[in-house]
Amino acid sequence: MSEKITNLSKFIPKGELGQLFQQARALNHLNEQLSEHLPEQFALLSLCTIKDNTATFVTDNQAIIFRAQKQNTVLLNAIKQVKSLTHIEKVVIKIDLKRPLHK
C-alpha cells in the first residue's frame, strides 16, 4: 500500500481554526523579518501575539528576559524596523518553562 503525501503548506481550514492558521503564518513571517533586525542577544525571543500597540514575545530563557527588560529601547527599535510593526509601543516578554524553544 503506498502512502499519499499531502502538502499542508496551502491547507486553509475554515472557521476559527482557519483564523488560527492565518495568525500562525503571519507570526512566522514576522519572526523571520524580525530575525534580521534583532540583536543576537535576543535571537531566542519569539513573537507570539500582537494586540493593539503591544508585541508579546516568549522565550524559555530567563536571562534573555532580564536583558530585554534592561534594554527595552533597543528591542523596541529593532521591532520598529519591520514595516508592519512600526505601531508597536510596548513589549511584553513571557517565559515558557514547560517546553524549550531552542536546543
PDB file of N, CA and C in Angstrom:
ATOM      1  N   MET A   1       0.840  -1.175   0.000  1.00  0.00           N
ATOM      2  CA  MET A   1       0.000   0.000   0.000  1.00  0.00           C
ATOM      3  C   MET A   1       0.888   1.244   0.000  1.00  0.00           C
ATOM      4  N   SER A   2       0.701   2.137  -0.941  1.00  0.00           N
ATOM      5  CA  SER A   2       1.502   3.347  -0.994  1.00  0.00           C
ATOM      6  C   SER A   2       0.830   4.459  -0.185  1.00  0.00           C
ATOM      7  N   GLU A   3       1.672   5.270   0.424  1.00  0.00           N
ATOM      8  CA  GLU A   3       1.160   6.381   1.219  1.00  0.00           C
ATOM      9  C   GLU A   3       1.097   7.626   0.359  1.00  0.00           C
ATOM     10  N   LYS A   4       0.026   8.342   0.481  1.00  0.00           N
ATOM     11  CA  LYS A   4      -0.127   9.588  -0.257  1.00  0.00           C
ATOM     12  C   LYS A   4       0.485  10.714   0.568  1.00  0.00           C
ATOM     13  N   ILE A   5       1.341  11.506  -0.038  1.00  0.00           N
ATOM     14  CA  ILE A   5       1.972  12.633   0.636  1.00  0.00           C
ATOM     15  C   ILE A   5       1.132  13.872   0.364  1.00  0.00           C
ATOM     16  N   THR A   6       0.778  14.542   1.434  1.00  0.00           N
ATOM     17  CA  THR A   6      -0.063  15.727   1.324  1.00  0.00           C
ATOM     18  C   THR A   6       0.745  16.965   1.671  1.00  0.00           C
ATOM     19  N   ASN A   7       0.654  17.974   0.832  1.00  0.00           N
ATOM     20  CA  ASN A   7       1.304  19.248   1.089  1.00  0.00           C
ATOM     21  C   ASN A   7       0.341  20.114   1.891  1.00  0.00           C
ATOM     22  N   LEU A   8       0.667  20.342   3.159  1.00  0.00           N
ATOM     23  CA  LEU A   8      -0.201  21.123   4.036  1.00  0.00           C
ATOM     24  C   LEU A   8       0.122  22.612   4.030  1.00  0.00           C
ATOM     25  N   SER A   9       1.118  23.033   3.275  1.00  0.00           N
ATOM     26  CA  SER A   9       1.512  24.441   3.286  1.00  0.00           C
ATOM     27  C   SER A   9       0.417  25.356   2.753  1.00  0.00           C
ATOM     28  N   LYS A  10      -0.477  24.821   1.937  1.00  0.00           N
ATOM     29  CA  LYS A  10      -1.560  25.642   1.386  1.00  0.00           C
ATOM     30  C   LYS A  10      -2.918  25.251   1.962  1.00  0.00           C
ATOM     31  N   PHE A  11      -2.886  24.434   2.994  1.00  0.00           N
ATOM     32  CA  PHE A  11      -4.112  23.995   3.654  1.00  0.00           C
ATOM     33  C   PHE A  11      -4.744  25.181   4.370  1.00  0.00           C
ATOM     34  N   ILE A  12      -6.007  25.432   4.091  1.00  0.00           N
ATOM     35  CA  ILE A  12      -6.713  26.548   4.712  1.00  0.00           C
ATOM     36  C   ILE A  12      -8.027  26.038   5.290  1.00  0.00           C
ATOM     37  N   PRO A  13      -8.020  25.689   6.573  1.00  0.00           N
ATOM     38  CA  PRO A  13      -9.275  25.252   7.186  1.00  0.00           C
ATOM     39  C   PRO A  13     -10.209  26.438   7.355  1.00  0.00           C
ATOM     40  N   LYS A  14     -11.466  26.142   7.560  1.00  0.00           N
ATOM     41  CA  LYS A  14     -12.464  27.196   7.703  1.00  0.00           C
ATOM     42  C   LYS A  14     -12.711  27.499   9.169  1.00  0.00           C
ATOM     43  N   GLY A  15     -13.358  28.604   9.418  1.00  0.00           N
ATOM     44  CA  GLY A  15     -13.767  28.964  10.768  1.00  0.00           C
ATOM     45  C   GLY A  15     -12.617  29.430  11.641  1.00  0.00           C
ATOM     46  N   GLU A  16     -12.761  29.195  12.941  1.00  0.00           N
ATOM     47  CA  GLU A  16     -11.764  29.652  13.907  1.00  0.00           C
ATOM     48  C   GLU A  16     -10.413  28.983  13.703  1.00  0.00           C
ATOM     49  N   LEU A  17     -10.423  27.710  13.337  1.00  0.00           N
ATOM     50  CA  LEU A  17      -9.161  27.025  13.074  1.00  0.00           C
ATOM     51  C   LEU A  17      -8.433  27.680  11.906  1.00  0.00           C
ATOM     52  N   GLY A  18      -9.167  28.066  10.895  1.00  0.00           N
ATOM     53  CA  GLY A  18      -8.575  28.767   9.762  1.00  0.00           C
ATOM     54  C   GLY A  18      -7.952  30.084  10.177  1.00  0.00           C
ATOM     55  N   GLN A  19      -8.622  30.806  11.068  1.00  0.00           N
ATOM     56  CA  GLN A  19      -8.082  32.066  11.571  1.00  0.00           C
ATOM     57  C   GLN A  19      -6.786  31.832  12.339  1.00  0.00           C
ATOM     58  N   LEU A  20      -6.741  30.760  13.129  1.00  0.00           N
ATOM     59  CA  LEU A  20      -5.523  30.439  13.868  1.00  0.00           C
ATOM     60  C   LEU A  20      -4.373  30.103  12.925  1.00  0.00           C
ATOM     61  N   PHE A  21      -4.664  29.376  11.841  1.00  0.00           N
ATOM     62  CA  PHE A  21      -3.644  29.073  10.840  1.00  0.00           C
ATOM     63  C   PHE A  21      -3.103  30.360  10.229  1.00  0.00           C
ATOM     64  N   GLN A  22      -3.995  31.276   9.883  1.00  0.00           N
ATOM     65  CA  GLN A  22      -3.568  32.543   9.286  1.00  0.00           C
ATOM     66  C   GLN A  22      -2.719  33.351  10.259  1.00  0.00           C
ATOM     67  N   GLN A  23      -3.129  33.392  11.517  1.00  0.00           N
ATOM     68  CA  GLN A  23      -2.353  34.128  12.527  1.00  0.00           C
ATOM     69  C   GLN A  23      -0.973  33.503  12.701  1.00  0.00           C
ATOM     70  N   ALA A  24      -0.918  32.175  12.738  1.00  0.00           N
ATOM     71  CA  ALA A  24       0.364  31.493  12.900  1.00  0.00           C
ATOM     72  C   ALA A  24       1.292  31.778  11.722  1.00  0.00           C
ATOM     73  N   ARG A  25       0.743  31.741  10.523  1.00  0.00           N
ATOM     74  CA  ARG A  25       1.562  32.042   9.332  1.00  0.00           C
ATOM     75  C   ARG A  25       2.070  33.478   9.373  1.00  0.00           C
ATOM     76  N   ALA A  26       1.205  34.408   9.779  1.00  0.00           N
ATOM     77  CA  ALA A  26       1.611  35.817   9.862  1.00  0.00           C
ATOM     78  C   ALA A  26       2.709  35.999  10.910  1.00  0.00           C
ATOM     79  N   LEU A  27       2.555  35.360  12.060  1.00  0.00           N
ATOM     80  CA  LEU A  27       3.573  35.474  13.111  1.00  0.00           C
ATOM     81  C   LEU A  27       4.888  34.835  12.672  1.00  0.00           C
ATOM     82  N   ASN A  28       4.822  33.716  11.984  1.00  0.00           N
ATOM     83  CA  ASN A  28       6.047  33.089  11.470  1.00  0.00           C
ATOM     84  C   ASN A  28       6.757  34.026  10.506  1.00  0.00           C
ATOM     85  N   HIS A  29       5.990  34.669   9.651  1.00  0.00           N
ATOM     86  CA  HIS A  29       6.572  35.613   8.690  1.00  0.00           C
ATOM     87  C   HIS A  29       7.213  36.801   9.418  1.00  0.00           C
ATOM     88  N   LEU A  30       6.518  37.333  10.425  1.00  0.00           N
ATOM     89  CA  LEU A  30       7.065  38.451  11.197  1.00  0.00           C
ATOM     90  C   LEU A  30       8.316  38.029  11.963  1.00  0.00           C
ATOM     91  N   ASN A  31       8.329  36.826  12.510  1.00  0.00           N
ATOM     92  CA  ASN A  31       9.523  36.346  13.216  1.00  0.00           C
ATOM     93  C   ASN A  31      10.709  36.244  12.269  1.00  0.00           C
ATOM     94  N   GLU A  32      10.462  35.837  11.031  1.00  0.00           N
ATOM     95  CA  GLU A  32      11.542  35.787  10.034  1.00  0.00           C
ATOM     96  C   GLU A  32      12.089  37.183   9.773  1.00  0.00           C
ATOM     97  N   GLN A  33      11.188  38.152   9.610  1.00  0.00           N
ATOM     98  CA  GLN A  33      11.616  39.528   9.368  1.00  0.00           C
ATOM     99  C   GLN A  33      12.347  40.095  10.585  1.00  0.00           C
ATOM    100  N   LEU A  34      11.839  39.814  11.771  1.00  0.00           N
ATOM    101  CA  LEU A  34      12.461  40.312  12.996  1.00  0.00           C
ATOM    102  C   LEU A  34      13.862  39.753  13.185  1.00  0.00           C
ATOM    103  N   SER A  35      14.084  38.529  12.780  1.00  0.00           N
ATOM    104  CA  SER A  35      15.390  37.894  12.982  1.00  0.00           C
ATOM    105  C   SER A  35      16.511  38.689  12.311  1.00  0.00           C
ATOM    106  N   GLU A  36      16.172  39.435  11.276  1.00  0.00           N
ATOM    107  CA  GLU A  36      17.163  40.258  10.584  1.00  0.00           C
ATOM    108  C   GLU A  36      17.522  41.512  11.372  1.00  0.00           C
ATOM    109  N   HIS A  37      16.645  41.929  12.294  1.00  0.00           N
ATOM    110  CA  HIS A  37      16.829  43.196  12.999  1.00  0.00           C
ATOM    111  C   HIS A  37      17.125  43.041  14.489  1.00  0.00           C
ATOM    112  N   LEU A  38      16.779  41.897  15.053  1.00  0.00           N
ATOM    113  CA  LEU A  38      17.016  41.703  16.484  1.00  0.00           C
ATOM    114  C   LEU A  38      18.494  41.488  16.752  1.00  0.00           C
ATOM    115  N   PRO A  39      19.007  42.131  17.800  1.00  0.00           N
ATOM    116  CA  PRO A  39      20.397  41.849  18.185  1.00  0.00           C
ATOM    117  C   PRO A  39      20.545  40.372  18.542  1.00  0.00           C
ATOM    118  N   GLU A  40      21.734  39.846  18.371  1.00  0.00           N
ATOM    119  CA  GLU A  40      21.985  38.425  18.605  1.00  0.00           C
ATOM    120  C   GLU A  40      21.551  37.980  20.000  1.00  0.00           C
ATOM    121  N   GLN A  41      21.695  38.871  20.965  1.00  0.00           N
ATOM    122  CA  GLN A  41      21.329  38.524  22.346  1.00  0.00           C
ATOM    123  C   GLN A  41      19.836  38.261  22.512  1.00  0.00           C
ATOM    124  N   PHE A  42      19.024  38.695  21.551  1.00  0.00           N
ATOM    125  CA  PHE A  42      17.581  38.477  21.615  1.00  0.00           C
ATOM    126  C   PHE A  42      17.100  37.448  20.590  1.00  0.00           C
ATOM    127  N   ALA A  43      18.019  36.694  20.039  1.00  0.00           N
ATOM    128  CA  ALA A  43      17.672  35.740  18.985  1.00  0.00           C
ATOM    129  C   ALA A  43      16.713  34.645  19.465  1.00  0.00           C
ATOM    130  N   LEU A  44      16.693  34.360  20.752  1.00  0.00           N
ATOM    131  CA  LEU A  44      15.827  33.300  21.277  1.00  0.00           C
ATOM    132  C   LEU A  44      14.430  33.791  21.632  1.00  0.00           C
ATOM    133  N   LEU A  45      14.143  35.058  21.348  1.00  0.00           N
ATOM    134  CA  LEU A  45      12.788  35.580  21.551  1.00  0.00           C
ATOM    135  C   LEU A  45      11.925  35.200  20.360  1.00  0.00           C
ATOM    136  N   SER A  46      10.694  34.859  20.638  1.00  0.00           N
ATOM    137  CA  SER A  46       9.767  34.504  19.565  1.00  0.00           C
ATOM    138  C   SER A  46       8.486  35.319  19.737  1.00  0.00           C
ATOM    139  N   LEU A  47       8.145  36.076  18.716  1.00  0.00           N
ATOM    140  CA  LEU A  47       6.917  36.860  18.735  1.00  0.00           C
ATOM    141  C   LEU A  47       5.728  35.919  18.760  1.00  0.00           C
ATOM    142  N   CYS A  48       4.834  36.096  19.745  1.00  0.00           N
ATOM    143  CA  CYS A  48       3.696  35.166  19.834  1.00  0.00           C
ATOM    144  C   CYS A  48       2.351  35.861  19.695  1.00  0.00           C
ATOM    145  N   THR A  49       2.245  37.144  20.014  1.00  0.00           N
ATOM    146  CA  THR A  49       0.999  37.869  19.781  1.00  0.00           C
ATOM    147  C   THR A  49       1.269  39.351  19.558  1.00  0.00           C
ATOM    148  N   ILE A  50       0.345  39.951  18.844  1.00  0.00           N
ATOM    149  CA  ILE A  50       0.337  41.397  18.669  1.00  0.00           C
ATOM    150  C   ILE A  50      -1.082  41.835  18.946  1.00  0.00           C
ATOM    151  N   LYS A  51      -1.227  42.736  19.887  1.00  0.00           N
ATOM    152  CA  LYS A  51      -2.552  43.261  20.195  1.00  0.00           C
ATOM    153  C   LYS A  51      -2.419  44.758  20.421  1.00  0.00           C
ATOM    154  N   ASP A  52      -3.188  45.499  19.648  1.00  0.00           N
ATOM    155  CA  ASP A  52      -3.128  46.962  19.686  1.00  0.00           C
ATOM    156  C   ASP A  52      -1.695  47.400  19.430  1.00  0.00           C
ATOM    157  N   ASN A  53      -1.087  48.074  20.386  1.00  0.00           N
ATOM    158  CA  ASN A  53       0.275  48.577  20.194  1.00  0.00           C
ATOM    159  C   ASN A  53       1.294  47.788  21.020  1.00  0.00           C
ATOM    160  N   THR A  54       0.945  46.550  21.386  1.00  0.00           N
ATOM    161  CA  THR A  54       1.808  45.729  22.231  1.00  0.00           C
ATOM    162  C   THR A  54       2.215  44.447  21.511  1.00  0.00           C
ATOM    163  N   ALA A  55       3.500  44.176  21.525  1.00  0.00           N
ATOM    164  CA  ALA A  55       4.037  42.931  20.980  1.00  0.00           C
ATOM    165  C   ALA A  55       4.451  42.056  22.151  1.00  0.00           C
ATOM    166  N   THR A  56       3.975  40.817  22.155  1.00  0.00           N
ATOM    167  CA  THR A  56       4.323  39.883  23.220  1.00  0.00           C
ATOM    168  C   THR A  56       5.238  38.808  22.651  1.00  0.00           C
ATOM    169  N   PHE A  57       6.355  38.622  23.337  1.00  0.00           N
ATOM    170  CA  PHE A  57       7.336  37.617  22.963  1.00  0.00           C
ATOM    171  C   PHE A  57       7.358  36.533  24.021  1.00  0.00           C
ATOM    172  N   VAL A  58       7.841  35.367  23.638  1.00  0.00           N
ATOM    173  CA  VAL A  58       8.006  34.262  24.570  1.00  0.00           C
ATOM    174  C   VAL A  58       9.410  33.701  24.397  1.00  0.00           C
ATOM    175  N   THR A  59       9.968  33.222  25.501  1.00  0.00           N
ATOM    176  CA  THR A  59      11.273  32.566  25.483  1.00  0.00           C
ATOM    177  C   THR A  59      11.319  31.566  26.629  1.00  0.00           C
ATOM    178  N   ASP A  60      12.277  30.674  26.573  1.00  0.00           N
ATOM    179  CA  ASP A  60      12.457  29.738  27.678  1.00  0.00           C
ATOM    180  C   ASP A  60      13.708  30.084  28.484  1.00  0.00           C
ATOM    181  N   ASN A  61      14.237  31.281  28.267  1.00  0.00           N
ATOM    182  CA  ASN A  61      15.490  31.693  28.885  1.00  0.00           C
ATOM    183  C   ASN A  61      15.262  32.934  29.752  1.00  0.00           C
ATOM    184  N   GLN A  62      15.377  32.766  31.065  1.00  0.00           N
ATOM    185  CA  GLN A  62      15.132  33.873  31.992  1.00  0.00           C
ATOM    186  C   GLN A  62      16.162  34.991  31.839  1.00  0.00           C
ATOM    187  N   ALA A  63      17.380  34.649  31.473  1.00  0.00           N
ATOM    188  CA  ALA A  63      18.417  35.668  31.302  1.00  0.00           C
ATOM    189  C   ALA A  63      18.067  36.622  30.163  1.00  0.00           C
ATOM    190  N   ILE A  64      17.458  36.090  29.114  1.00  0.00           N
ATOM    191  CA  ILE A  64      17.064  36.951  27.993  1.00  0.00           C
ATOM    192  C   ILE A  64      15.976  37.928  28.426  1.00  0.00           C
ATOM    193  N   ILE A  65      15.053  37.465  29.232  1.00  0.00           N
ATOM    194  CA  ILE A  65      14.006  38.355  29.741  1.00  0.00           C
ATOM    195  C   ILE A  65      14.637  39.487  30.533  1.00  0.00           C
ATOM    196  N   PHE A  66      15.571  39.165  31.390  1.00  0.00           N
ATOM    197  CA  PHE A  66      16.251  40.180  32.194  1.00  0.00           C
ATOM    198  C   PHE A  66      16.949  41.202  31.296  1.00  0.00           C
ATOM    199  N   ARG A  67      17.696  40.702  30.287  1.00  0.00           N
ATOM    200  CA  ARG A  67      18.393  41.608  29.366  1.00  0.00           C
ATOM    201  C   ARG A  67      17.417  42.477  28.580  1.00  0.00           C
ATOM    202  N   ALA A  68      16.349  41.864  28.110  1.00  0.00           N
ATOM    203  CA  ALA A  68      15.373  42.610  27.303  1.00  0.00           C
ATOM    204  C   ALA A  68      14.700  43.699  28.133  1.00  0.00           C
ATOM    205  N   GLN A  69      14.437  43.415  29.395  1.00  0.00           N
ATOM    206  CA  GLN A  69      13.830  44.435  30.248  1.00  0.00           C
ATOM    207  C   GLN A  69      14.789  45.598  30.480  1.00  0.00           C
ATOM    208  N   LYS A  70      16.068  45.311  30.578  1.00  0.00           N
ATOM    209  CA  LYS A  70      17.078  46.354  30.776  1.00  0.00           C
ATOM    210  C   LYS A  70      17.351  47.138  29.488  1.00  0.00           C
ATOM    211  N   GLN A  71      17.119  46.488  28.334  1.00  0.00           N
ATOM    212  CA  GLN A  71      17.397  47.111  27.043  1.00  0.00           C
ATOM    213  C   GLN A  71      16.124  47.195  26.203  1.00  0.00           C
ATOM    214  N   ASN A  72      15.050  47.575  26.836  1.00  0.00           N
ATOM    215  CA  ASN A  72      13.748  47.629  26.178  1.00  0.00           C
ATOM    216  C   ASN A  72      13.770  48.547  24.949  1.00  0.00           C
ATOM    217  N   THR A  73      14.472  49.648  25.026  1.00  0.00           N
ATOM    218  CA  THR A  73      14.540  50.581  23.898  1.00  0.00           C
ATOM    219  C   THR A  73      15.222  49.946  22.692  1.00  0.00           C
ATOM    220  N   VAL A  74      16.281  49.184  22.930  1.00  0.00           N
ATOM    221  CA  VAL A  74      16.980  48.500  21.840  1.00  0.00           C
ATOM    222  C   VAL A  74      16.035  47.510  21.163  1.00  0.00           C
ATOM    223  N   LEU A  75      15.305  46.759  21.968  1.00  0.00           N
ATOM    224  CA  LEU A  75      14.360  45.782  21.431  1.00  0.00           C
ATOM    225  C   LEU A  75      13.241  46.476  20.669  1.00  0.00           C
ATOM    226  N   LEU A  76      12.701  47.524  21.227  1.00  0.00           N
ATOM    227  CA  LEU A  76      11.614  48.262  20.575  1.00  0.00           C
ATOM    228  C   LEU A  76      12.073  48.880  19.253  1.00  0.00           C
ATOM    229  N   ASN A  77      13.282  49.414  19.220  1.00  0.00           N
ATOM    230  CA  ASN A  77      13.810  49.988  17.974  1.00  0.00           C
ATOM    231  C   ASN A  77      14.001  48.910  16.904  1.00  0.00           C
ATOM    232  N   ALA A  78      14.428  47.728  17.304  1.00  0.00           N
ATOM    233  CA  ALA A  78      14.581  46.628  16.346  1.00  0.00           C
ATOM    234  C   ALA A  78      13.226  46.227  15.779  1.00  0.00           C
ATOM    235  N   ILE A  79      12.215  46.184  16.630  1.00  0.00           N
ATOM    236  CA  ILE A  79      10.863  45.829  16.194  1.00  0.00           C
ATOM    237  C   ILE A  79      10.343  46.838  15.179  1.00  0.00           C
ATOM    238  N   LYS A  80      10.594  48.098  15.422  1.00  0.00           N
ATOM    239  CA  LYS A  80      10.083  49.152  14.541  1.00  0.00           C
ATOM    240  C   LYS A  80      10.764  49.163  13.170  1.00  0.00           C
ATOM    241  N   GLN A  81      11.822  48.370  13.001  1.00  0.00           N
ATOM    242  CA  GLN A  81      12.470  48.253  11.697  1.00  0.00           C
ATOM    243  C   GLN A  81      11.627  47.437  10.715  1.00  0.00           C
ATOM    244  N   VAL A  82      10.692  46.659  11.249  1.00  0.00           N
ATOM    245  CA  VAL A  82       9.793  45.873  10.402  1.00  0.00           C
ATOM    246  C   VAL A  82       8.580  46.759  10.093  1.00  0.00           C
ATOM    247  N   LYS A  83       8.346  46.957   8.815  1.00  0.00           N
ATOM    248  CA  LYS A  83       7.325  47.910   8.363  1.00  0.00           C
ATOM    249  C   LYS A  83       5.960  47.710   9.024  1.00  0.00           C
ATOM    250  N   SER A  84       5.509  46.487   9.137  1.00  0.00           N
ATOM    251  CA  SER A  84       4.173  46.245   9.693  1.00  0.00           C
ATOM    252  C   SER A  84       4.128  46.318  11.215  1.00  0.00           C
ATOM    253  N   LEU A  85       5.268  46.568  11.864  1.00  0.00           N
ATOM    254  CA  LEU A  85       5.298  46.664  13.324  1.00  0.00           C
ATOM    255  C   LEU A  85       5.663  48.052  13.824  1.00  0.00           C
ATOM    256  N   THR A  86       5.632  49.043  12.962  1.00  0.00           N
ATOM    257  CA  THR A  86       6.037  50.394  13.375  1.00  0.00           C
ATOM    258  C   THR A  86       5.102  51.002  14.414  1.00  0.00           C
ATOM    259  N   HIS A  87       3.903  50.467  14.548  1.00  0.00           N
ATOM    260  CA  HIS A  87       2.939  50.988  15.522  1.00  0.00           C
ATOM    261  C   HIS A  87       3.168  50.454  16.941  1.00  0.00           C
ATOM    262  N   ILE A  88       4.056  49.510  17.099  1.00  0.00           N
ATOM    263  CA  ILE A  88       4.305  48.896  18.409  1.00  0.00           C
ATOM    264  C   ILE A  88       4.984  49.905  19.335  1.00  0.00           C
ATOM    265  N   GLU A  89       4.422  50.052  20.524  1.00  0.00           N
ATOM    266  CA  GLU A  89       4.975  50.982  21.514  1.00  0.00           C
ATOM    267  C   GLU A  89       5.343  50.301  22.819  1.00  0.00           C
ATOM    268  N   LYS A  90       4.928  49.044  22.974  1.00  0.00           N
ATOM    269  CA  LYS A  90       5.186  48.335  24.223  1.00  0.00           C
ATOM    270  C   LYS A  90       5.548  46.894  23.904  1.00  0.00           C
ATOM    271  N   VAL A  91       6.496  46.365  24.681  1.00  0.00           N
ATOM    272  CA  VAL A  91       6.929  44.985  24.520  1.00  0.00           C
ATOM    273  C   VAL A  91       6.716  44.251  25.838  1.00  0.00           C
ATOM    274  N   VAL A  92       6.118  43.072  25.739  1.00  0.00           N
ATOM    275  CA  VAL A  92       5.934  42.191  26.894  1.00  0.00           C
ATOM    276  C   VAL A  92       6.673  40.902  26.579  1.00  0.00           C
ATOM    277  N   ILE A  93       7.406  40.390  27.562  1.00  0.00           N
ATOM    278  CA  ILE A  93       8.135  39.145  27.359  1.00  0.00           C
ATOM    279  C   ILE A  93       7.702  38.172  28.436  1.00  0.00           C
ATOM    280  N   LYS A  94       7.290  37.007  27.997  1.00  0.00           N
ATOM    281  CA  LYS A  94       6.842  35.968  28.919  1.00  0.00           C
ATOM    282  C   LYS A  94       7.761  34.763  28.809  1.00  0.00           C
ATOM    283  N   ILE A  95       7.807  34.010  29.883  1.00  0.00           N
ATOM    284  CA  ILE A  95       8.662  32.820  29.887  1.00  0.00           C
ATOM    285  C   ILE A  95       7.816  31.560  29.779  1.00  0.00           C
ATOM    286  N   ASP A  96       8.325  30.627  29.021  1.00  0.00           N
ATOM    287  CA  ASP A  96       7.672  29.332  28.881  1.00  0.00           C
ATOM    288  C   ASP A  96       8.664  28.272  29.345  1.00  0.00           C
ATOM    289  N   LEU A  97       8.514  27.831  30.576  1.00  0.00           N
ATOM    290  CA  LEU A  97       9.421  26.840  31.138  1.00  0.00           C
ATOM    291  C   LEU A  97       8.973  25.417  30.858  1.00  0.00           C
ATOM    292  N   LYS A  98       7.786  25.264  30.278  1.00  0.00           N
ATOM    293  CA  LYS A  98       7.252  23.923  30.035  1.00  0.00           C
ATOM    294  C   LYS A  98       7.926  23.227  28.867  1.00  0.00           C
ATOM    295  N   ARG A  99       8.326  23.990  27.862  1.00  0.00           N
ATOM    296  CA  ARG A  99       8.987  23.373  26.715  1.00  0.00           C
ATOM    297  C   ARG A  99      10.059  24.309  26.197  1.00  0.00           C
ATOM    298  N   PRO A 100      11.243  23.809  25.979  1.00  0.00           N
ATOM    299  CA  PRO A 100      12.311  24.640  25.433  1.00  0.00           C
ATOM    300  C   PRO A 100      12.005  25.049  24.000  1.00  0.00           C
ATOM    301  N   LEU A 101      12.337  26.292  23.672  1.00  0.00           N
ATOM    302  CA  LEU A 101      12.139  26.805  22.312  1.00  0.00           C
ATOM    303  C   LEU A 101      13.364  26.555  21.443  1.00  0.00           C
ATOM    304  N   HIS A 102      14.477  26.251  22.051  1.00  0.00           N
ATOM    305  CA  HIS A 102      15.695  26.013  21.287  1.00  0.00           C
ATOM    306  C   HIS A 102      16.409  24.795  21.859  1.00  0.00           C
ATOM    307  N   LYS A 103      17.363  24.333  21.103  1.00  0.00           N
ATOM    308  CA  LYS A 103      18.161  23.176  21.570  1.00  0.00           C
ATOM    309  C   LYS A 103      19.613  23.509  21.525  1.00  0.00           C
TER     310      LYS A 103
END
